[in-house]
Amino acid sequence: MKNINIENHLKVFVMDLHNNMMHELREKAMKFNFTFSQIEVLRYVIKKKNPTMKDIANYLHITPPSVTVIIESLNKKGFLKREVDKDDQRIIRIIITSKALKIFNTFKNKKLEIFKKIILKLNNKDQKEFTRILTILNKE
């Protein structure tokens, strides 16, 4: 019974921590006139290097027409380009622009800043223990 209470407490804590971080990131996105979905698309395109529209739709768990709307808005802002695949002319690849990389790095730095604020609440010993625990949790 005690383990269930600890598990529930940890779930609530992790979810609250995640929600607080996401709230701050959404606020930052709004200041730059971005939706959170647009930021996620940029992150995915950077990570996967020239994915297809279908790849992005699968990643976001949304329909291809919904991805088209997001991609089109980012294209108009000069953050993404569409290019025909060199090997298969039927496939359109999504390419990140340098303008988008600058904006994305701003968000990445904001994320690090938020996490740093959290970590600084811990003393040295607890920071090391937290790092050890995160290392265990991040192993596949």
N, C-alpha and C. Protein backbone atom coordinates (compact mmCIF):
# COMPACT_ATOMS: atom_id res chain seq x y z
N MET A 1 0.82 -1.20 0.00
CA MET A 1 0.00 0.00 0.00
C MET A 1 0.87 1.27 0.00
N LYS A 2 1.96 1.23 0.77
CA LYS A 2 2.84 2.38 0.85
C LYS A 2 3.49 2.68 -0.49
N ASN A 3 3.88 1.64 -1.26
CA ASN A 3 4.49 1.83 -2.58
C ASN A 3 3.54 2.52 -3.54
N ILE A 4 2.25 2.18 -3.45
CA ILE A 4 1.25 2.82 -4.32
C ILE A 4 1.17 4.31 -4.02
N ASN A 5 1.20 4.68 -2.73
CA ASN A 5 1.17 6.09 -2.36
C ASN A 5 2.40 6.83 -2.87
N ILE A 6 3.56 6.20 -2.76
CA ILE A 6 4.80 6.81 -3.25
C ILE A 6 4.72 6.96 -4.77
N GLU A 7 4.26 5.92 -5.45
CA GLU A 7 4.13 5.98 -6.91
C GLU A 7 3.18 7.10 -7.33
N ASN A 8 2.05 7.19 -6.65
CA ASN A 8 1.08 8.25 -6.97
C ASN A 8 1.67 9.63 -6.71
N HIS A 9 2.37 9.76 -5.60
CA HIS A 9 3.00 11.04 -5.28
C HIS A 9 4.02 11.41 -6.35
N LEU A 10 4.83 10.46 -6.78
CA LEU A 10 5.82 10.71 -7.82
C LEU A 10 5.16 11.07 -9.14
N LYS A 11 4.09 10.37 -9.50
CA LYS A 11 3.38 10.68 -10.74
C LYS A 11 2.87 12.12 -10.73
N VAL A 12 2.26 12.50 -9.61
CA VAL A 12 1.72 13.86 -9.49
C VAL A 12 2.86 14.86 -9.57
N PHE A 13 3.95 14.60 -8.87
CA PHE A 13 5.09 15.51 -8.87
C PHE A 13 5.67 15.67 -10.28
N VAL A 14 5.90 14.56 -10.97
CA VAL A 14 6.48 14.62 -12.31
C VAL A 14 5.54 15.33 -13.27
N MET A 15 4.26 15.05 -13.18
CA MET A 15 3.29 15.71 -14.05
C MET A 15 3.23 17.22 -13.77
N ASP A 16 3.25 17.60 -12.49
CA ASP A 16 3.24 19.02 -12.15
C ASP A 16 4.49 19.72 -12.67
N LEU A 17 5.63 19.08 -12.50
CA LEU A 17 6.89 19.63 -12.99
C LEU A 17 6.84 19.82 -14.51
N HIS A 18 6.36 18.80 -15.20
CA HIS A 18 6.22 18.86 -16.65
C HIS A 18 5.26 19.97 -17.06
N ASN A 19 4.11 20.03 -16.41
CA ASN A 19 3.11 21.05 -16.75
C ASN A 19 3.64 22.46 -16.52
N ASN A 20 4.38 22.66 -15.44
CA ASN A 20 4.96 23.98 -15.17
C ASN A 20 5.97 24.36 -16.25
N MET A 21 6.81 23.43 -16.65
CA MET A 21 7.78 23.70 -17.71
C MET A 21 7.07 24.01 -19.02
N MET A 22 6.06 23.22 -19.36
CA MET A 22 5.34 23.41 -20.61
C MET A 22 4.60 24.75 -20.61
N HIS A 23 4.07 25.14 -19.48
CA HIS A 23 3.38 26.43 -19.38
C HIS A 23 4.35 27.57 -19.70
N GLU A 24 5.54 27.54 -19.11
CA GLU A 24 6.52 28.58 -19.38
C GLU A 24 6.94 28.59 -20.85
N LEU A 25 7.10 27.39 -21.43
CA LEU A 25 7.49 27.31 -22.84
C LEU A 25 6.38 27.81 -23.76
N ARG A 26 5.13 27.51 -23.42
CA ARG A 26 4.02 28.02 -24.22
C ARG A 26 3.97 29.55 -24.18
N GLU A 27 4.21 30.11 -22.99
CA GLU A 27 4.24 31.57 -22.88
C GLU A 27 5.34 32.16 -23.75
N LYS A 28 6.49 31.53 -23.76
CA LYS A 28 7.61 31.99 -24.59
C LYS A 28 7.22 31.89 -26.07
N ALA A 29 6.58 30.79 -26.44
CA ALA A 29 6.16 30.59 -27.83
C ALA A 29 5.18 31.68 -28.25
N MET A 30 4.26 32.02 -27.37
CA MET A 30 3.26 33.04 -27.70
C MET A 30 3.93 34.40 -27.90
N LYS A 31 4.98 34.69 -27.14
CA LYS A 31 5.69 35.97 -27.31
C LYS A 31 6.30 36.08 -28.70
N PHE A 32 6.67 34.94 -29.29
CA PHE A 32 7.24 34.91 -30.63
C PHE A 32 6.17 34.64 -31.69
N ASN A 33 4.90 34.62 -31.27
CA ASN A 33 3.79 34.37 -32.18
C ASN A 33 3.85 32.96 -32.79
N PHE A 34 4.19 31.99 -31.96
CA PHE A 34 4.21 30.59 -32.36
C PHE A 34 3.21 29.81 -31.54
N THR A 35 2.67 28.77 -32.14
CA THR A 35 1.89 27.82 -31.36
C THR A 35 2.86 26.76 -30.85
N PHE A 36 2.45 26.05 -29.85
CA PHE A 36 3.32 24.99 -29.34
C PHE A 36 3.52 23.90 -30.39
N SER A 37 2.49 23.64 -31.19
CA SER A 37 2.61 22.64 -32.27
C SER A 37 3.67 23.06 -33.28
N GLN A 38 3.73 24.35 -33.58
CA GLN A 38 4.75 24.83 -34.52
C GLN A 38 6.15 24.60 -33.96
N ILE A 39 6.33 24.86 -32.67
CA ILE A 39 7.63 24.62 -32.04
C ILE A 39 7.98 23.14 -32.08
N GLU A 40 7.00 22.29 -31.84
CA GLU A 40 7.24 20.84 -31.89
C GLU A 40 7.63 20.39 -33.29
N VAL A 41 7.00 20.98 -34.31
CA VAL A 41 7.35 20.65 -35.69
C VAL A 41 8.80 21.06 -35.96
N LEU A 42 9.17 22.26 -35.55
CA LEU A 42 10.55 22.71 -35.75
C LEU A 42 11.53 21.76 -35.06
N ARG A 43 11.21 21.38 -33.82
CA ARG A 43 12.08 20.48 -33.07
C ARG A 43 12.23 19.15 -33.80
N TYR A 44 11.13 18.63 -34.29
CA TYR A 44 11.16 17.34 -34.98
C TYR A 44 11.93 17.43 -36.29
N VAL A 45 11.72 18.49 -37.05
CA VAL A 45 12.42 18.64 -38.34
C VAL A 45 13.93 18.75 -38.10
N ILE A 46 14.32 19.47 -37.07
CA ILE A 46 15.74 19.57 -36.73
C ILE A 46 16.30 18.21 -36.34
N LYS A 47 15.56 17.51 -35.51
CA LYS A 47 16.03 16.20 -35.01
C LYS A 47 16.11 15.16 -36.12
N LYS A 48 15.10 15.10 -36.96
CA LYS A 48 15.02 14.04 -37.98
C LYS A 48 15.66 14.40 -39.31
N LYS A 49 16.05 15.65 -39.47
CA LYS A 49 16.72 16.10 -40.69
C LYS A 49 15.93 15.78 -41.96
N ASN A 50 15.09 16.70 -42.34
CA ASN A 50 14.33 16.64 -43.59
C ASN A 50 13.28 15.53 -43.65
N PRO A 51 12.41 15.46 -42.66
CA PRO A 51 11.36 14.44 -42.68
C PRO A 51 10.28 14.76 -43.73
N THR A 52 9.42 13.80 -43.94
CA THR A 52 8.27 14.01 -44.83
C THR A 52 7.10 14.54 -44.00
N MET A 53 6.07 15.00 -44.70
CA MET A 53 4.86 15.46 -44.02
C MET A 53 4.24 14.31 -43.22
N LYS A 54 4.27 13.13 -43.81
CA LYS A 54 3.70 11.96 -43.13
C LYS A 54 4.47 11.65 -41.85
N ASP A 55 5.79 11.77 -41.90
CA ASP A 55 6.61 11.55 -40.69
C ASP A 55 6.17 12.50 -39.58
N ILE A 56 5.97 13.76 -39.94
CA ILE A 56 5.58 14.77 -38.96
C ILE A 56 4.19 14.47 -38.42
N ALA A 57 3.27 14.10 -39.28
CA ALA A 57 1.91 13.76 -38.85
C ALA A 57 1.94 12.59 -37.87
N ASN A 58 2.73 11.58 -38.18
CA ASN A 58 2.84 10.43 -37.28
C ASN A 58 3.42 10.83 -35.94
N TYR A 59 4.43 11.66 -35.96
CA TYR A 59 5.08 12.10 -34.73
C TYR A 59 4.10 12.87 -33.84
N LEU A 60 3.35 13.78 -34.44
CA LEU A 60 2.41 14.61 -33.66
C LEU A 60 1.07 13.92 -33.40
N HIS A 61 0.85 12.78 -34.04
CA HIS A 61 -0.42 12.05 -33.92
C HIS A 61 -1.59 12.92 -34.39
N ILE A 62 -1.37 13.56 -35.53
CA ILE A 62 -2.44 14.36 -36.15
C ILE A 62 -2.54 13.98 -37.62
N THR A 63 -3.56 14.48 -38.28
CA THR A 63 -3.78 14.13 -39.68
C THR A 63 -2.84 14.92 -40.60
N PRO A 64 -2.53 14.34 -41.77
CA PRO A 64 -1.69 15.08 -42.73
C PRO A 64 -2.23 16.46 -43.09
N PRO A 65 -3.56 16.64 -43.27
CA PRO A 65 -4.05 18.00 -43.56
C PRO A 65 -3.74 18.99 -42.42
N SER A 66 -3.77 18.53 -41.19
CA SER A 66 -3.43 19.40 -40.05
C SER A 66 -1.95 19.78 -40.10
N VAL A 67 -1.11 18.84 -40.49
CA VAL A 67 0.33 19.12 -40.63
C VAL A 67 0.54 20.14 -41.74
N THR A 68 -0.21 20.00 -42.82
CA THR A 68 -0.09 20.93 -43.94
C THR A 68 -0.34 22.36 -43.47
N VAL A 69 -1.33 22.56 -42.63
CA VAL A 69 -1.64 23.89 -42.11
C VAL A 69 -0.47 24.44 -41.30
N ILE A 70 0.11 23.60 -40.44
CA ILE A 70 1.25 24.03 -39.62
C ILE A 70 2.46 24.34 -40.50
N ILE A 71 2.75 23.44 -41.43
CA ILE A 71 3.90 23.62 -42.31
C ILE A 71 3.74 24.88 -43.16
N GLU A 72 2.55 25.09 -43.67
CA GLU A 72 2.30 26.27 -44.51
C GLU A 72 2.52 27.56 -43.72
N SER A 73 2.06 27.58 -42.48
CA SER A 73 2.24 28.79 -41.66
C SER A 73 3.73 29.02 -41.37
N LEU A 74 4.47 27.96 -41.12
CA LEU A 74 5.91 28.10 -40.87
C LEU A 74 6.67 28.46 -42.15
N ASN A 75 6.17 27.98 -43.27
CA ASN A 75 6.77 28.30 -44.56
C ASN A 75 6.60 29.80 -44.86
N LYS A 76 5.40 30.31 -44.61
CA LYS A 76 5.12 31.74 -44.86
C LYS A 76 5.99 32.64 -43.98
N LYS A 77 6.32 32.17 -42.78
CA LYS A 77 7.17 32.94 -41.87
C LYS A 77 8.66 32.80 -42.22
N GLY A 78 8.96 31.90 -43.17
CA GLY A 78 10.35 31.71 -43.58
C GLY A 78 11.14 30.75 -42.69
N PHE A 79 10.44 29.88 -41.96
CA PHE A 79 11.11 28.96 -41.05
C PHE A 79 11.34 27.56 -41.63
N LEU A 80 10.52 27.21 -42.60
CA LEU A 80 10.64 25.89 -43.25
C LEU A 80 10.53 26.06 -44.75
N LYS A 81 11.11 25.10 -45.47
CA LYS A 81 10.95 25.04 -46.92
C LYS A 81 10.51 23.62 -47.27
N ARG A 82 9.86 23.52 -48.40
CA ARG A 82 9.50 22.21 -48.95
C ARG A 82 10.42 21.94 -50.12
N GLU A 83 10.95 20.72 -50.16
CA GLU A 83 11.81 20.33 -51.28
C GLU A 83 11.42 18.93 -51.75
N VAL A 84 11.47 18.76 -53.05
CA VAL A 84 11.19 17.45 -53.63
C VAL A 84 12.38 16.54 -53.34
N ASP A 85 12.08 15.32 -52.93
CA ASP A 85 13.12 14.32 -52.63
C ASP A 85 13.92 14.03 -53.90
N LYS A 86 15.23 13.97 -53.77
CA LYS A 86 16.09 13.74 -54.93
C LYS A 86 15.92 12.34 -55.53
N ASP A 87 15.59 11.37 -54.67
CA ASP A 87 15.46 9.99 -55.14
C ASP A 87 14.04 9.62 -55.59
N ASP A 88 13.05 10.29 -55.01
CA ASP A 88 11.67 9.97 -55.33
C ASP A 88 10.89 11.28 -55.44
N GLN A 89 10.58 11.68 -56.64
CA GLN A 89 9.93 12.96 -56.92
C GLN A 89 8.54 13.09 -56.29
N ARG A 90 7.96 11.99 -55.87
CA ARG A 90 6.63 12.03 -55.24
C ARG A 90 6.69 12.48 -53.78
N ILE A 91 7.87 12.44 -53.20
CA ILE A 91 8.04 12.75 -51.78
C ILE A 91 8.51 14.19 -51.59
N ILE A 92 7.84 14.88 -50.69
CA ILE A 92 8.22 16.25 -50.33
C ILE A 92 8.89 16.20 -48.96
N ARG A 93 10.09 16.73 -48.90
CA ARG A 93 10.85 16.81 -47.64
C ARG A 93 10.69 18.20 -47.04
N ILE A 94 10.69 18.27 -45.74
CA ILE A 94 10.58 19.55 -45.02
C ILE A 94 11.98 19.92 -44.54
N ILE A 95 12.41 21.11 -44.92
CA ILE A 95 13.77 21.58 -44.63
C ILE A 95 13.71 22.77 -43.68
N ILE A 96 14.56 22.76 -42.69
CA ILE A 96 14.63 23.87 -41.72
C ILE A 96 15.48 25.00 -42.30
N THR A 97 15.14 26.24 -41.97
CA THR A 97 15.95 27.38 -42.41
C THR A 97 16.82 27.87 -41.25
N SER A 98 17.82 28.67 -41.57
CA SER A 98 18.68 29.22 -40.51
C SER A 98 17.90 30.14 -39.58
N LYS A 99 16.91 30.82 -40.13
CA LYS A 99 16.04 31.69 -39.31
C LYS A 99 15.34 30.86 -38.23
N ALA A 100 14.88 29.67 -38.61
CA ALA A 100 14.19 28.80 -37.67
C ALA A 100 15.15 28.26 -36.61
N LEU A 101 16.37 27.97 -37.02
CA LEU A 101 17.37 27.46 -36.06
C LEU A 101 17.63 28.48 -34.96
N LYS A 102 17.68 29.75 -35.32
CA LYS A 102 17.90 30.80 -34.32
C LYS A 102 16.75 30.84 -33.32
N ILE A 103 15.53 30.82 -33.82
CA ILE A 103 14.35 30.84 -32.94
C ILE A 103 14.32 29.59 -32.07
N PHE A 104 14.58 28.45 -32.69
CA PHE A 104 14.53 27.20 -31.94
C PHE A 104 15.57 27.21 -30.82
N ASN A 105 16.75 27.74 -31.08
CA ASN A 105 17.78 27.81 -30.04
C ASN A 105 17.33 28.69 -28.88
N THR A 106 16.54 29.71 -29.18
CA THR A 106 15.97 30.54 -28.11
C THR A 106 15.08 29.70 -27.21
N PHE A 107 14.26 28.86 -27.80
CA PHE A 107 13.38 27.98 -27.02
C PHE A 107 14.18 26.93 -26.25
N LYS A 108 15.19 26.41 -26.90
CA LYS A 108 16.04 25.42 -26.24
C LYS A 108 16.72 26.04 -25.02
N ASN A 109 17.21 27.26 -25.17
CA ASN A 109 17.84 27.96 -24.04
C ASN A 109 16.83 28.24 -22.93
N LYS A 110 15.60 28.56 -23.30
CA LYS A 110 14.55 28.79 -22.31
C LYS A 110 14.28 27.51 -21.52
N LYS A 111 14.25 26.40 -22.22
CA LYS A 111 14.04 25.10 -21.57
C LYS A 111 15.16 24.83 -20.56
N LEU A 112 16.40 25.08 -20.97
CA LEU A 112 17.55 24.88 -20.09
C LEU A 112 17.47 25.82 -18.88
N GLU A 113 17.04 27.04 -19.12
CA GLU A 113 16.90 28.03 -18.04
C GLU A 113 15.87 27.55 -17.01
N ILE A 114 14.76 27.04 -17.49
CA ILE A 114 13.71 26.53 -16.60
C ILE A 114 14.25 25.37 -15.78
N PHE A 115 14.93 24.46 -16.45
CA PHE A 115 15.46 23.29 -15.76
C PHE A 115 16.53 23.70 -14.75
N LYS A 116 17.35 24.67 -15.12
CA LYS A 116 18.40 25.15 -14.21
C LYS A 116 17.77 25.74 -12.95
N LYS A 117 16.67 26.50 -13.12
CA LYS A 117 15.96 27.07 -11.98
C LYS A 117 15.50 25.97 -11.02
N ILE A 118 15.06 24.87 -11.60
CA ILE A 118 14.60 23.75 -10.77
C ILE A 118 15.77 23.12 -10.04
N ILE A 119 16.84 22.86 -10.76
CA ILE A 119 18.02 22.19 -10.19
C ILE A 119 18.66 23.03 -9.08
N LEU A 120 18.69 24.35 -9.26
CA LEU A 120 19.33 25.22 -8.27
C LEU A 120 18.62 25.23 -6.92
N LYS A 121 17.41 24.70 -6.89
CA LYS A 121 16.70 24.59 -5.61
C LYS A 121 17.29 23.47 -4.75
N LEU A 122 18.10 22.62 -5.39
CA LEU A 122 18.70 21.48 -4.69
C LEU A 122 20.12 21.82 -4.24
N ASN A 123 20.53 21.23 -3.13
CA ASN A 123 21.93 21.40 -2.73
C ASN A 123 22.79 20.46 -3.58
N ASN A 124 24.10 20.57 -3.44
CA ASN A 124 25.04 19.80 -4.26
C ASN A 124 24.80 18.30 -4.19
N LYS A 125 24.62 17.81 -3.00
CA LYS A 125 24.40 16.36 -2.80
C LYS A 125 23.12 15.92 -3.52
N ASP A 126 22.06 16.69 -3.36
CA ASP A 126 20.78 16.34 -3.99
C ASP A 126 20.86 16.46 -5.51
N GLN A 127 21.63 17.44 -6.01
CA GLN A 127 21.82 17.56 -7.46
C GLN A 127 22.48 16.30 -8.02
N LYS A 128 23.48 15.82 -7.33
CA LYS A 128 24.17 14.60 -7.77
C LYS A 128 23.22 13.40 -7.74
N GLU A 129 22.43 13.31 -6.70
CA GLU A 129 21.47 12.21 -6.58
C GLU A 129 20.40 12.31 -7.67
N PHE A 130 19.93 13.52 -7.92
CA PHE A 130 18.93 13.74 -8.96
C PHE A 130 19.50 13.35 -10.33
N THR A 131 20.74 13.72 -10.58
CA THR A 131 21.41 13.36 -11.83
C THR A 131 21.52 11.84 -11.95
N ARG A 132 21.88 11.19 -10.85
CA ARG A 132 21.99 9.73 -10.85
C ARG A 132 20.63 9.09 -11.17
N ILE A 133 19.58 9.60 -10.56
CA ILE A 133 18.24 9.06 -10.79
C ILE A 133 17.79 9.29 -12.23
N LEU A 134 18.00 10.49 -12.75
CA LEU A 134 17.62 10.78 -14.14
C LEU A 134 18.38 9.90 -15.11
N THR A 135 19.63 9.62 -14.81
CA THR A 135 20.43 8.74 -15.65
C THR A 135 19.81 7.35 -15.70
N ILE A 136 19.38 6.86 -14.57
CA ILE A 136 18.71 5.55 -14.52
C ILE A 136 17.41 5.59 -15.31
N LEU A 137 16.63 6.63 -15.12
CA LEU A 137 15.33 6.72 -15.80
C LEU A 137 15.46 6.88 -17.31
N ASN A 138 16.55 7.47 -17.77
CA ASN A 138 16.72 7.70 -19.21
C ASN A 138 17.34 6.52 -19.95
N LYS A 139 17.71 5.49 -19.23
CA LYS A 139 18.24 4.29 -19.91
C LYS A 139 17.09 3.55 -20.56
N GLU A 140 17.34 3.05 -21.72
CA GLU A 140 16.27 2.34 -22.45
C GLU A 140 16.20 0.89 -22.07
